[in-house]
């Protein structure tokens, strides 16, 4: 078990590197091709869910390979956080369910929480504007920007007591669901309005 600094237990603030182990994703040598007989499932960026929701494996995500070399350091576990380290959209996603032998591609850092840190809270906070601003400041590179691991680990985040973390995470999940429902309602309303418009045009055209 990792020994936690007093300031984490006190519920003030801490470096990300004190809250989690920041592990690299598995570097694929080439474009991943699905092998039905592969030993490991791979998570790619395109498998991520809507912002604010957790990752759950779905059969449509199936992408199996047989990695070369040891994979112990790359295995994804329930409760881990997938952090997109490359590109301009550095999303954090809590892993809620994944097959036993799953690895994350090098697109991600795999964040494994230590004692006193709630994964759902940390994923929520990393997606907030204040955290994204800090992440943007340590992102380097012009073509495909990357968040350097050591700089990311040095970012200081607020860390309230565990019960408060869990409460915030639950509220964050509720807000994410509300946002998705509102977006779905708006899309369906737009579809309905389009249908009504077409019928009105057809009706008026038949009467002319």
N, C-alpha and C. Protein backbone atom coordinates (compact mmCIF):
# COMPACT_ATOMS: atom_id res chain seq x y z
N UNK A 1 0.85 -1.20 0.00
CA UNK A 1 0.00 0.00 0.00
C UNK A 1 0.88 1.24 0.00
N UNK A 2 0.48 2.26 -0.80
CA UNK A 2 1.25 3.49 -0.87
C UNK A 2 1.01 4.35 0.36
N UNK A 3 2.08 4.92 0.88
CA UNK A 3 1.97 5.82 2.02
C UNK A 3 1.57 7.20 1.53
N UNK A 4 0.55 7.78 2.11
CA UNK A 4 0.04 9.05 1.64
C UNK A 4 0.57 10.21 2.46
N UNK A 5 0.90 11.35 1.80
CA UNK A 5 1.33 12.54 2.52
C UNK A 5 0.22 13.04 3.43
N UNK A 6 0.60 13.72 4.50
CA UNK A 6 -0.38 14.23 5.45
C UNK A 6 -1.38 15.17 4.79
N UNK A 7 -0.92 15.94 3.81
CA UNK A 7 -1.82 16.92 3.22
C UNK A 7 -2.94 16.26 2.42
N UNK A 8 -2.69 15.03 1.93
CA UNK A 8 -3.78 14.31 1.27
C UNK A 8 -4.81 13.88 2.31
N UNK A 9 -4.34 13.34 3.41
CA UNK A 9 -5.27 12.90 4.45
C UNK A 9 -6.01 14.08 5.07
N UNK A 10 -5.36 15.25 5.07
CA UNK A 10 -5.99 16.42 5.68
C UNK A 10 -7.09 17.01 4.80
N UNK A 11 -7.16 16.58 3.54
CA UNK A 11 -8.22 17.08 2.66
C UNK A 11 -7.96 18.47 2.16
N UNK A 12 -6.72 18.79 1.79
CA UNK A 12 -6.42 20.12 1.25
C UNK A 12 -6.11 20.01 -0.24
N UNK A 13 -4.85 19.86 -0.58
CA UNK A 13 -4.46 19.76 -1.98
C UNK A 13 -3.23 18.90 -2.13
N UNK A 14 -3.00 18.39 -3.31
CA UNK A 14 -1.85 17.52 -3.53
C UNK A 14 -1.51 17.48 -5.01
N UNK A 15 -0.29 17.10 -5.31
CA UNK A 15 0.12 16.89 -6.68
C UNK A 15 -0.58 15.64 -7.23
N UNK A 16 -0.87 15.66 -8.51
CA UNK A 16 -1.49 14.48 -9.12
C UNK A 16 -0.62 13.25 -8.90
N UNK A 17 0.70 13.44 -8.98
CA UNK A 17 1.62 12.33 -8.79
C UNK A 17 1.60 11.74 -7.39
N UNK A 18 1.05 12.48 -6.43
CA UNK A 18 0.89 11.96 -5.07
C UNK A 18 -0.44 11.23 -4.91
N UNK A 19 -1.37 11.53 -5.81
CA UNK A 19 -2.71 10.95 -5.72
C UNK A 19 -2.86 9.66 -6.50
N UNK A 20 -2.09 9.55 -7.58
CA UNK A 20 -2.21 8.38 -8.47
C UNK A 20 -0.84 7.96 -8.97
N UNK A 21 -0.78 6.72 -9.42
CA UNK A 21 0.35 6.28 -10.23
C UNK A 21 0.02 6.62 -11.67
N UNK A 22 0.89 7.38 -12.32
CA UNK A 22 0.66 7.77 -13.72
C UNK A 22 1.41 6.78 -14.60
N UNK A 23 0.67 5.85 -15.19
CA UNK A 23 1.27 4.77 -15.97
C UNK A 23 1.08 5.01 -17.47
N UNK A 24 2.05 4.65 -18.28
CA UNK A 24 1.92 4.85 -19.73
C UNK A 24 0.99 3.81 -20.36
N UNK A 25 0.42 4.16 -21.50
CA UNK A 25 -0.35 3.19 -22.25
C UNK A 25 0.57 2.31 -23.08
N UNK A 26 0.01 1.27 -23.67
CA UNK A 26 0.79 0.32 -24.46
C UNK A 26 1.02 0.88 -25.86
N UNK A 27 2.28 0.93 -26.28
CA UNK A 27 2.62 1.47 -27.60
C UNK A 27 2.43 0.40 -28.67
N UNK A 28 1.45 0.61 -29.52
CA UNK A 28 1.21 -0.31 -30.63
C UNK A 28 2.23 -0.04 -31.73
N UNK A 29 2.81 -1.07 -32.28
CA UNK A 29 3.84 -0.91 -33.30
C UNK A 29 3.26 -0.43 -34.62
N UNK A 30 2.02 -0.71 -34.86
CA UNK A 30 1.36 -0.31 -36.10
C UNK A 30 -0.13 -0.18 -35.82
N UNK A 31 -0.89 0.09 -36.86
CA UNK A 31 -2.34 0.19 -36.70
C UNK A 31 -2.89 -1.14 -36.16
N UNK A 32 -3.65 -1.06 -35.09
CA UNK A 32 -4.16 -2.28 -34.46
C UNK A 32 -5.19 -2.95 -35.35
N UNK A 33 -4.99 -4.24 -35.59
CA UNK A 33 -5.94 -5.03 -36.37
C UNK A 33 -6.55 -6.10 -35.47
N UNK A 34 -7.84 -6.24 -35.56
CA UNK A 34 -8.53 -7.19 -34.69
C UNK A 34 -8.15 -8.63 -35.02
N UNK A 35 -7.76 -9.36 -33.99
CA UNK A 35 -7.46 -10.79 -34.10
C UNK A 35 -8.41 -11.52 -33.17
N UNK A 36 -9.40 -12.22 -33.70
CA UNK A 36 -10.38 -12.91 -32.84
C UNK A 36 -9.74 -13.81 -31.80
N UNK A 37 -8.53 -14.31 -32.10
CA UNK A 37 -7.85 -15.20 -31.15
C UNK A 37 -6.88 -14.44 -30.26
N UNK A 38 -6.89 -13.11 -30.34
CA UNK A 38 -5.96 -12.31 -29.54
C UNK A 38 -6.17 -12.48 -28.05
N UNK A 39 -5.11 -12.29 -27.30
CA UNK A 39 -5.16 -12.52 -25.85
C UNK A 39 -5.65 -11.32 -25.06
N UNK A 40 -5.59 -10.11 -25.64
CA UNK A 40 -5.92 -8.89 -24.90
C UNK A 40 -6.86 -7.99 -25.71
N UNK A 41 -7.77 -7.35 -24.99
CA UNK A 41 -8.62 -6.30 -25.55
C UNK A 41 -7.85 -4.98 -25.47
N UNK A 42 -7.99 -4.14 -26.50
CA UNK A 42 -7.32 -2.83 -26.53
C UNK A 42 -8.37 -1.72 -26.49
N UNK A 43 -8.13 -0.71 -25.66
CA UNK A 43 -8.99 0.47 -25.63
C UNK A 43 -8.32 1.56 -26.45
N UNK A 44 -9.04 2.10 -27.43
CA UNK A 44 -8.58 3.21 -28.24
C UNK A 44 -9.39 4.46 -27.92
N UNK A 45 -8.92 5.60 -28.39
CA UNK A 45 -9.62 6.84 -28.14
C UNK A 45 -11.05 6.84 -28.64
N UNK A 46 -11.30 6.16 -29.77
CA UNK A 46 -12.65 6.15 -30.35
C UNK A 46 -13.65 5.37 -29.50
N UNK A 47 -13.15 4.63 -28.51
CA UNK A 47 -14.05 3.85 -27.65
C UNK A 47 -14.59 4.67 -26.47
N UNK A 48 -14.08 5.88 -26.29
CA UNK A 48 -14.48 6.66 -25.12
C UNK A 48 -15.94 7.11 -25.21
N UNK A 49 -16.62 7.18 -24.07
CA UNK A 49 -18.03 7.61 -24.05
C UNK A 49 -18.13 9.13 -24.03
N UNK A 50 -19.35 9.62 -23.92
CA UNK A 50 -19.58 11.06 -23.84
C UNK A 50 -18.89 11.62 -22.60
N UNK A 51 -18.47 12.88 -22.71
CA UNK A 51 -17.77 13.54 -21.61
C UNK A 51 -18.59 13.48 -20.33
N UNK A 52 -17.94 13.09 -19.24
CA UNK A 52 -18.60 13.05 -17.94
C UNK A 52 -19.18 11.70 -17.59
N UNK A 53 -19.12 10.75 -18.52
CA UNK A 53 -19.61 9.40 -18.23
C UNK A 53 -18.46 8.41 -18.20
N UNK A 54 -18.66 7.28 -17.54
CA UNK A 54 -17.60 6.30 -17.38
C UNK A 54 -17.49 5.35 -18.56
N UNK A 55 -16.34 4.69 -18.65
CA UNK A 55 -16.13 3.70 -19.71
C UNK A 55 -16.65 2.34 -19.28
N UNK A 56 -17.48 1.76 -20.13
CA UNK A 56 -17.95 0.38 -19.95
C UNK A 56 -17.75 -0.35 -21.27
N UNK A 57 -17.12 -1.49 -21.19
CA UNK A 57 -16.87 -2.26 -22.42
C UNK A 57 -18.18 -2.66 -23.07
N UNK A 58 -18.21 -2.54 -24.40
CA UNK A 58 -19.36 -2.98 -25.18
C UNK A 58 -18.82 -3.84 -26.32
N UNK A 59 -19.56 -4.87 -26.73
CA UNK A 59 -19.07 -5.73 -27.81
C UNK A 59 -18.62 -4.99 -29.07
N UNK A 60 -19.21 -3.82 -29.33
CA UNK A 60 -18.78 -3.07 -30.52
C UNK A 60 -17.37 -2.50 -30.37
N UNK A 61 -16.84 -2.51 -29.13
CA UNK A 61 -15.46 -2.05 -28.90
C UNK A 61 -14.44 -3.14 -29.19
N UNK A 62 -14.90 -4.35 -29.48
CA UNK A 62 -13.97 -5.48 -29.54
C UNK A 62 -12.81 -5.22 -30.50
N UNK A 63 -11.61 -5.27 -29.96
CA UNK A 63 -10.38 -5.13 -30.73
C UNK A 63 -9.31 -5.91 -29.98
N UNK A 64 -9.10 -7.12 -30.39
CA UNK A 64 -8.20 -8.01 -29.67
C UNK A 64 -6.88 -8.16 -30.41
N UNK A 65 -5.79 -8.17 -29.63
CA UNK A 65 -4.46 -8.39 -30.17
C UNK A 65 -3.70 -9.31 -29.21
N UNK A 66 -2.56 -9.78 -29.64
CA UNK A 66 -1.66 -10.51 -28.76
C UNK A 66 -0.39 -9.68 -28.64
N UNK A 67 -0.24 -8.93 -27.53
CA UNK A 67 0.91 -8.04 -27.37
C UNK A 67 2.23 -8.82 -27.29
N UNK A 68 3.29 -8.16 -27.72
CA UNK A 68 4.62 -8.73 -27.57
C UNK A 68 5.23 -8.20 -26.28
N UNK A 69 5.85 -9.06 -25.53
CA UNK A 69 6.47 -8.63 -24.28
C UNK A 69 5.49 -8.65 -23.11
N UNK A 70 5.95 -8.13 -21.98
CA UNK A 70 5.15 -8.14 -20.76
C UNK A 70 4.08 -7.05 -20.82
N UNK A 71 2.93 -7.37 -20.26
CA UNK A 71 1.80 -6.43 -20.29
C UNK A 71 1.30 -6.05 -18.90
N UNK A 72 1.94 -6.56 -17.86
CA UNK A 72 1.43 -6.35 -16.49
C UNK A 72 1.26 -4.87 -16.17
N UNK A 73 2.17 -4.02 -16.63
CA UNK A 73 2.11 -2.60 -16.30
C UNK A 73 1.07 -1.85 -17.12
N UNK A 74 0.49 -2.51 -18.11
CA UNK A 74 -0.46 -1.83 -18.99
C UNK A 74 -1.90 -2.30 -18.79
N UNK A 75 -2.11 -3.26 -17.91
CA UNK A 75 -3.45 -3.82 -17.73
C UNK A 75 -4.39 -2.81 -17.08
N UNK A 76 -5.57 -2.67 -17.65
CA UNK A 76 -6.58 -1.75 -17.15
C UNK A 76 -7.45 -2.46 -16.12
N UNK A 77 -7.70 -1.77 -15.00
CA UNK A 77 -8.54 -2.33 -13.94
C UNK A 77 -9.73 -1.41 -13.70
N UNK A 78 -10.82 -2.01 -13.23
CA UNK A 78 -11.97 -1.21 -12.83
C UNK A 78 -11.55 -0.22 -11.75
N UNK A 79 -11.93 1.04 -11.91
CA UNK A 79 -11.53 2.07 -10.97
C UNK A 79 -10.37 2.91 -11.45
N UNK A 80 -9.66 2.43 -12.49
CA UNK A 80 -8.60 3.23 -13.10
C UNK A 80 -9.22 4.40 -13.85
N UNK A 81 -8.38 5.37 -14.19
CA UNK A 81 -8.82 6.51 -15.00
C UNK A 81 -8.01 6.52 -16.28
N UNK A 82 -8.70 6.61 -17.41
CA UNK A 82 -8.04 6.78 -18.70
C UNK A 82 -7.93 8.27 -18.98
N UNK A 83 -6.69 8.76 -19.11
CA UNK A 83 -6.48 10.18 -19.39
C UNK A 83 -5.87 10.31 -20.77
N UNK A 84 -6.54 11.04 -21.65
CA UNK A 84 -6.04 11.23 -23.01
C UNK A 84 -4.87 12.20 -22.97
N UNK A 85 -3.67 11.68 -23.21
CA UNK A 85 -2.46 12.50 -23.08
C UNK A 85 -2.04 13.15 -24.39
N UNK A 86 -2.63 12.73 -25.50
CA UNK A 86 -2.24 13.26 -26.81
C UNK A 86 -3.40 14.01 -27.45
N UNK A 87 -3.05 15.04 -28.20
CA UNK A 87 -4.07 15.83 -28.87
C UNK A 87 -4.53 17.00 -28.01
N UNK A 88 -5.53 17.70 -28.51
CA UNK A 88 -6.01 18.91 -27.84
C UNK A 88 -7.22 18.67 -26.95
N UNK A 89 -7.70 17.45 -26.91
CA UNK A 89 -8.89 17.13 -26.09
C UNK A 89 -8.47 16.12 -25.03
N UNK A 90 -8.03 16.63 -23.89
CA UNK A 90 -7.44 15.78 -22.85
C UNK A 90 -8.48 15.35 -21.83
N UNK A 91 -9.34 14.47 -22.27
CA UNK A 91 -10.46 13.97 -21.47
C UNK A 91 -10.00 12.92 -20.46
N UNK A 92 -10.65 12.89 -19.31
CA UNK A 92 -10.40 11.86 -18.29
C UNK A 92 -11.67 11.04 -18.13
N UNK A 93 -11.52 9.70 -18.12
CA UNK A 93 -12.68 8.80 -18.07
C UNK A 93 -12.44 7.72 -17.03
N UNK A 94 -13.38 7.55 -16.13
CA UNK A 94 -13.30 6.48 -15.13
C UNK A 94 -13.67 5.15 -15.78
N UNK A 95 -12.87 4.12 -15.53
CA UNK A 95 -13.16 2.79 -16.04
C UNK A 95 -14.15 2.11 -15.09
N UNK A 96 -15.36 1.87 -15.57
CA UNK A 96 -16.40 1.25 -14.74
C UNK A 96 -16.49 -0.26 -14.97
N UNK A 97 -16.14 -0.70 -16.18
CA UNK A 97 -16.18 -2.14 -16.48
C UNK A 97 -15.34 -2.40 -17.71
N UNK A 98 -14.48 -3.42 -17.62
CA UNK A 98 -13.62 -3.80 -18.75
C UNK A 98 -13.29 -5.28 -18.63
N UNK A 99 -13.06 -5.96 -19.75
CA UNK A 99 -12.66 -7.37 -19.70
C UNK A 99 -11.40 -7.55 -18.87
N UNK A 100 -11.19 -8.76 -18.38
CA UNK A 100 -10.08 -9.02 -17.46
C UNK A 100 -8.73 -8.64 -18.04
N UNK A 101 -8.46 -9.03 -19.27
CA UNK A 101 -7.17 -8.70 -19.89
C UNK A 101 -7.37 -7.60 -20.93
N UNK A 102 -7.37 -6.38 -20.42
CA UNK A 102 -7.54 -5.20 -21.26
C UNK A 102 -6.34 -4.29 -21.09
N UNK A 103 -5.85 -3.74 -22.19
CA UNK A 103 -4.77 -2.76 -22.14
C UNK A 103 -5.24 -1.49 -22.84
N UNK A 104 -4.66 -0.36 -22.44
CA UNK A 104 -4.98 0.92 -23.05
C UNK A 104 -3.86 1.30 -24.01
N UNK A 105 -4.21 1.90 -25.13
CA UNK A 105 -3.20 2.30 -26.11
C UNK A 105 -2.39 3.47 -25.57
N UNK A 106 -1.30 3.81 -26.27
CA UNK A 106 -0.41 4.88 -25.83
C UNK A 106 -1.04 6.26 -25.93
N UNK A 107 -2.25 6.33 -26.47
CA UNK A 107 -3.00 7.59 -26.46
C UNK A 107 -3.26 8.05 -25.03
N UNK A 108 -3.29 7.09 -24.11
CA UNK A 108 -3.69 7.35 -22.73
C UNK A 108 -2.52 7.28 -21.75
N UNK A 109 -2.71 7.98 -20.62
CA UNK A 109 -2.03 7.63 -19.37
C UNK A 109 -3.07 6.88 -18.56
N UNK A 110 -2.61 5.87 -17.88
CA UNK A 110 -3.47 5.09 -17.00
C UNK A 110 -3.24 5.58 -15.58
N UNK A 111 -4.26 6.17 -14.97
CA UNK A 111 -4.13 6.72 -13.62
C UNK A 111 -4.72 5.73 -12.62
N UNK A 112 -3.88 5.27 -11.72
CA UNK A 112 -4.32 4.29 -10.71
C UNK A 112 -4.29 4.98 -9.35
N UNK A 113 -5.46 5.15 -8.75
CA UNK A 113 -5.58 5.95 -7.53
C UNK A 113 -4.94 5.28 -6.33
N UNK A 114 -4.47 6.11 -5.42
CA UNK A 114 -3.92 5.66 -4.15
C UNK A 114 -4.96 5.87 -3.05
N UNK A 115 -4.63 5.44 -1.85
CA UNK A 115 -5.56 5.55 -0.73
C UNK A 115 -6.01 6.97 -0.50
N UNK A 116 -7.29 7.15 -0.22
CA UNK A 116 -7.84 8.47 0.08
C UNK A 116 -8.25 9.26 -1.15
N UNK A 117 -8.12 8.66 -2.33
CA UNK A 117 -8.47 9.36 -3.58
C UNK A 117 -9.58 8.59 -4.29
N UNK A 118 -10.69 9.27 -4.56
CA UNK A 118 -11.82 8.65 -5.26
C UNK A 118 -11.65 8.86 -6.76
N UNK A 119 -11.64 7.77 -7.51
CA UNK A 119 -11.40 7.85 -8.94
C UNK A 119 -12.44 8.67 -9.68
N UNK A 120 -13.70 8.53 -9.30
CA UNK A 120 -14.77 9.27 -9.97
C UNK A 120 -14.60 10.77 -9.74
N UNK A 121 -14.19 11.16 -8.53
CA UNK A 121 -13.95 12.57 -8.25
C UNK A 121 -12.80 13.10 -9.09
N UNK A 122 -11.70 12.34 -9.14
CA UNK A 122 -10.53 12.81 -9.87
C UNK A 122 -10.84 12.95 -11.36
N UNK A 123 -11.55 11.98 -11.93
CA UNK A 123 -11.92 12.09 -13.34
C UNK A 123 -12.80 13.31 -13.57
N UNK A 124 -13.75 13.54 -12.66
CA UNK A 124 -14.62 14.72 -12.77
C UNK A 124 -13.79 16.00 -12.73
N UNK A 125 -12.88 16.10 -11.75
CA UNK A 125 -12.11 17.33 -11.61
C UNK A 125 -11.23 17.58 -12.83
N UNK A 126 -10.60 16.54 -13.35
CA UNK A 126 -9.70 16.72 -14.50
C UNK A 126 -10.43 17.22 -15.74
N UNK A 127 -11.75 17.03 -15.79
CA UNK A 127 -12.53 17.51 -16.93
C UNK A 127 -13.07 18.92 -16.73
N UNK A 128 -12.85 19.49 -15.54
CA UNK A 128 -13.34 20.84 -15.28
C UNK A 128 -12.43 21.88 -15.94
N UNK A 129 -13.00 23.04 -16.21
CA UNK A 129 -12.26 24.09 -16.93
C UNK A 129 -10.97 24.47 -16.24
N UNK A 130 -11.00 24.60 -14.91
CA UNK A 130 -9.80 25.02 -14.18
C UNK A 130 -8.67 24.00 -14.36
N UNK A 131 -9.00 22.72 -14.34
CA UNK A 131 -7.99 21.68 -14.54
C UNK A 131 -7.53 21.65 -15.99
N UNK A 132 -8.47 21.79 -16.92
CA UNK A 132 -8.11 21.77 -18.33
C UNK A 132 -7.19 22.94 -18.69
N UNK A 133 -7.39 24.08 -18.04
CA UNK A 133 -6.50 25.23 -18.26
C UNK A 133 -5.08 24.90 -17.81
N UNK A 134 -4.96 24.24 -16.66
CA UNK A 134 -3.63 23.87 -16.17
C UNK A 134 -2.99 22.83 -17.09
N UNK A 135 -3.78 21.89 -17.54
CA UNK A 135 -3.26 20.86 -18.45
C UNK A 135 -2.80 21.49 -19.76
N UNK A 136 -3.56 22.46 -20.26
CA UNK A 136 -3.21 23.13 -21.50
C UNK A 136 -1.86 23.83 -21.38
N UNK A 137 -1.57 24.35 -20.20
CA UNK A 137 -0.31 25.06 -19.98
C UNK A 137 0.91 24.15 -20.04
N UNK A 138 0.73 22.86 -19.74
CA UNK A 138 1.88 21.94 -19.74
C UNK A 138 1.90 21.07 -21.00
N UNK A 139 0.97 21.31 -21.91
CA UNK A 139 0.93 20.55 -23.15
C UNK A 139 1.98 21.09 -24.10
N UNK A 140 2.71 20.22 -24.76
CA UNK A 140 3.78 20.64 -25.67
C UNK A 140 3.57 20.02 -27.05
N UNK A 141 4.24 20.62 -28.04
CA UNK A 141 4.17 20.09 -29.40
C UNK A 141 3.13 20.80 -30.23
N UNK A 142 3.42 20.95 -31.53
CA UNK A 142 2.52 21.67 -32.42
C UNK A 142 1.66 20.71 -33.25
N UNK A 143 2.28 19.70 -33.85
CA UNK A 143 1.53 18.77 -34.70
C UNK A 143 0.50 17.99 -33.92
N UNK A 144 0.97 17.09 -33.08
CA UNK A 144 0.10 16.34 -32.16
C UNK A 144 0.55 16.66 -30.75
N UNK A 145 -0.10 17.62 -30.09
CA UNK A 145 0.34 18.01 -28.74
C UNK A 145 0.31 16.82 -27.78
N UNK A 146 1.19 16.85 -26.81
CA UNK A 146 1.23 15.79 -25.81
C UNK A 146 1.40 16.40 -24.43
N UNK A 147 0.73 15.84 -23.46
CA UNK A 147 0.89 16.25 -22.06
C UNK A 147 2.01 15.39 -21.48
N UNK A 148 3.14 16.03 -21.18
CA UNK A 148 4.28 15.29 -20.64
C UNK A 148 3.94 14.73 -19.27
N UNK A 149 4.36 13.50 -19.05
CA UNK A 149 3.94 12.79 -17.84
C UNK A 149 4.42 13.49 -16.57
N UNK A 150 5.69 13.93 -16.54
CA UNK A 150 6.21 14.55 -15.31
C UNK A 150 5.53 15.87 -15.02
N UNK A 151 5.22 16.64 -16.09
CA UNK A 151 4.55 17.93 -15.89
C UNK A 151 3.11 17.72 -15.42
N UNK A 152 2.46 16.72 -15.98
CA UNK A 152 1.09 16.39 -15.56
C UNK A 152 1.08 15.97 -14.10
N UNK A 153 2.05 15.15 -13.70
CA UNK A 153 2.10 14.66 -12.32
C UNK A 153 2.34 15.78 -11.32
N UNK A 154 2.91 16.90 -11.76
CA UNK A 154 3.22 18.01 -10.86
C UNK A 154 2.06 18.97 -10.67
N UNK A 155 0.99 18.81 -11.43
CA UNK A 155 -0.17 19.70 -11.27
C UNK A 155 -0.81 19.46 -9.90
N UNK A 156 -1.07 20.54 -9.19
CA UNK A 156 -1.68 20.45 -7.86
C UNK A 156 -3.20 20.56 -8.00
N UNK A 157 -3.90 19.65 -7.33
CA UNK A 157 -5.37 19.64 -7.39
C UNK A 157 -5.94 19.70 -5.98
N UNK A 158 -7.16 20.24 -5.83
CA UNK A 158 -7.81 20.21 -4.52
C UNK A 158 -8.27 18.80 -4.21
N UNK A 159 -8.08 18.38 -2.98
CA UNK A 159 -8.47 17.02 -2.61
C UNK A 159 -9.20 17.05 -1.27
N UNK A 160 -10.52 17.21 -1.31
CA UNK A 160 -11.31 17.21 -0.07
C UNK A 160 -11.34 15.82 0.55
N UNK A 161 -11.90 15.69 1.76
CA UNK A 161 -12.02 14.37 2.39
C UNK A 161 -12.78 13.40 1.49
N UNK A 162 -12.53 12.10 1.63
CA UNK A 162 -13.14 11.10 0.75
C UNK A 162 -14.66 11.18 0.63
N UNK A 163 -15.36 11.45 1.74
CA UNK A 163 -16.82 11.51 1.65
C UNK A 163 -17.28 12.69 0.79
N UNK A 164 -16.55 13.81 0.88
CA UNK A 164 -16.88 14.97 0.04
C UNK A 164 -16.55 14.67 -1.42
N UNK A 165 -15.43 13.98 -1.64
CA UNK A 165 -15.08 13.58 -3.01
C UNK A 165 -16.20 12.76 -3.64
N UNK A 166 -16.72 11.80 -2.89
CA UNK A 166 -17.77 10.93 -3.43
C UNK A 166 -19.05 11.72 -3.71
N UNK A 167 -19.36 12.67 -2.82
CA UNK A 167 -20.56 13.50 -3.03
C UNK A 167 -20.42 14.33 -4.30
N UNK A 168 -19.26 14.95 -4.47
CA UNK A 168 -19.01 15.76 -5.67
C UNK A 168 -19.10 14.89 -6.92
N UNK A 169 -18.52 13.68 -6.85
CA UNK A 169 -18.56 12.78 -8.00
C UNK A 169 -19.99 12.41 -8.37
N UNK A 170 -20.83 12.16 -7.36
CA UNK A 170 -22.23 11.81 -7.64
C UNK A 170 -22.95 12.99 -8.29
N UNK A 171 -22.71 14.20 -7.79
CA UNK A 171 -23.33 15.39 -8.38
C UNK A 171 -22.85 15.58 -9.82
N UNK A 172 -21.55 15.35 -10.03
CA UNK A 172 -21.01 15.46 -11.38
C UNK A 172 -21.65 14.48 -12.34
N UNK A 173 -21.89 13.25 -11.86
CA UNK A 173 -22.53 12.24 -12.70
C UNK A 173 -23.97 12.64 -13.03
N UNK A 174 -24.67 13.21 -12.05
CA UNK A 174 -26.05 13.67 -12.29
C UNK A 174 -26.07 14.79 -13.33
N UNK A 175 -25.13 15.72 -13.23
CA UNK A 175 -25.07 16.82 -14.19
C UNK A 175 -24.76 16.31 -15.59
N UNK A 176 -23.88 15.31 -15.68
CA UNK A 176 -23.55 14.73 -16.99
C UNK A 176 -24.77 14.07 -17.61
N UNK A 177 -25.53 13.33 -16.79
CA UNK A 177 -26.74 12.68 -17.31
C UNK A 177 -27.76 13.72 -17.76
N UNK A 178 -27.89 14.80 -16.98
CA UNK A 178 -28.82 15.86 -17.36
C UNK A 178 -28.42 16.48 -18.69
N UNK A 179 -27.11 16.72 -18.86
CA UNK A 179 -26.63 17.32 -20.11
C UNK A 179 -26.92 16.42 -21.31
N UNK A 180 -26.70 15.12 -21.13
CA UNK A 180 -26.95 14.17 -22.21
C UNK A 180 -28.44 14.10 -22.55
N UNK A 181 -29.29 14.09 -21.51
CA UNK A 181 -30.74 14.06 -21.73
C UNK A 181 -31.21 15.31 -22.45
N UNK A 182 -30.69 16.47 -22.04
CA UNK A 182 -31.07 17.73 -22.70
C UNK A 182 -30.64 17.73 -24.16
N UNK A 183 -29.42 17.25 -24.41
CA UNK A 183 -28.92 17.20 -25.77
C UNK A 183 -29.77 16.26 -26.63
N UNK A 184 -30.12 15.10 -26.06
CA UNK A 184 -30.97 14.15 -26.78
C UNK A 184 -32.33 14.76 -27.08
N UNK A 185 -32.89 15.47 -26.09
CA UNK A 185 -34.20 16.11 -26.27
C UNK A 185 -34.13 17.16 -27.38
N UNK A 186 -33.06 17.95 -27.39
CA UNK A 186 -32.91 18.98 -28.42
C UNK A 186 -32.80 18.35 -29.81
N UNK A 187 -32.04 17.26 -29.91
CA UNK A 187 -31.87 16.59 -31.20
C UNK A 187 -33.20 16.02 -31.70
N UNK A 188 -33.95 15.39 -30.79
CA UNK A 188 -35.23 14.80 -31.19
C UNK A 188 -36.26 15.88 -31.51
N UNK A 189 -36.20 17.00 -30.78
CA UNK A 189 -37.09 18.11 -31.08
C UNK A 189 -36.80 18.66 -32.47
N UNK A 190 -35.51 18.79 -32.80
CA UNK A 190 -35.13 19.28 -34.13
C UNK A 190 -35.62 18.33 -35.22
N UNK A 191 -35.51 17.02 -34.97
CA UNK A 191 -35.99 16.03 -35.94
C UNK A 191 -37.50 16.13 -36.12
N UNK A 192 -38.21 16.33 -34.99
CA UNK A 192 -39.67 16.45 -35.05
C UNK A 192 -40.07 17.70 -35.83
N UNK A 193 -39.38 18.82 -35.58
CA UNK A 193 -39.69 20.06 -36.28
C UNK A 193 -39.45 19.91 -37.78
N UNK A 194 -38.37 19.19 -38.13
CA UNK A 194 -38.09 18.95 -39.55
C UNK A 194 -39.21 18.15 -40.19
N UNK A 195 -39.67 17.11 -39.48
CA UNK A 195 -40.76 16.27 -40.00
C UNK A 195 -42.04 17.07 -40.17
N UNK A 196 -42.36 17.90 -39.17
CA UNK A 196 -43.56 18.73 -39.25
C UNK A 196 -43.47 19.68 -40.43
N UNK A 197 -42.27 20.27 -40.60
CA UNK A 197 -42.08 21.19 -41.72
C UNK A 197 -42.31 20.52 -43.06
N UNK A 198 -41.80 19.30 -43.22
CA UNK A 198 -41.98 18.57 -44.48
C UNK A 198 -43.45 18.27 -44.73
N UNK A 199 -44.17 17.88 -43.67
CA UNK A 199 -45.59 17.56 -43.84
C UNK A 199 -46.40 18.81 -44.19
N UNK A 200 -46.03 19.94 -43.58
CA UNK A 200 -46.73 21.19 -43.90
C UNK A 200 -46.52 21.57 -45.36
N UNK A 201 -45.28 21.39 -45.82
CA UNK A 201 -44.97 21.71 -47.21
C UNK A 201 -45.74 20.80 -48.16
N UNK A 202 -45.74 19.50 -47.85
CA UNK A 202 -46.46 18.54 -48.69
C UNK A 202 -47.96 18.83 -48.70
N UNK A 203 -48.51 19.16 -47.53
CA UNK A 203 -49.95 19.43 -47.42
C UNK A 203 -50.32 20.67 -48.22
N UNK A 204 -49.53 21.74 -48.07
CA UNK A 204 -49.83 22.97 -48.80
C UNK A 204 -49.62 22.79 -50.30
N UNK A 205 -48.63 21.94 -50.64
CA UNK A 205 -48.38 21.70 -52.06
C UNK A 205 -49.52 20.96 -52.72
N UNK A 206 -50.13 20.03 -51.96
CA UNK A 206 -51.24 19.25 -52.53
C UNK A 206 -52.50 20.08 -52.69
N UNK A 207 -52.59 21.20 -51.93
CA UNK A 207 -53.79 22.05 -52.00
C UNK A 207 -53.65 23.18 -53.01
N UNK A 208 -52.45 23.33 -53.58
CA UNK A 208 -52.24 24.45 -54.49
C UNK A 208 -52.69 24.12 -55.91
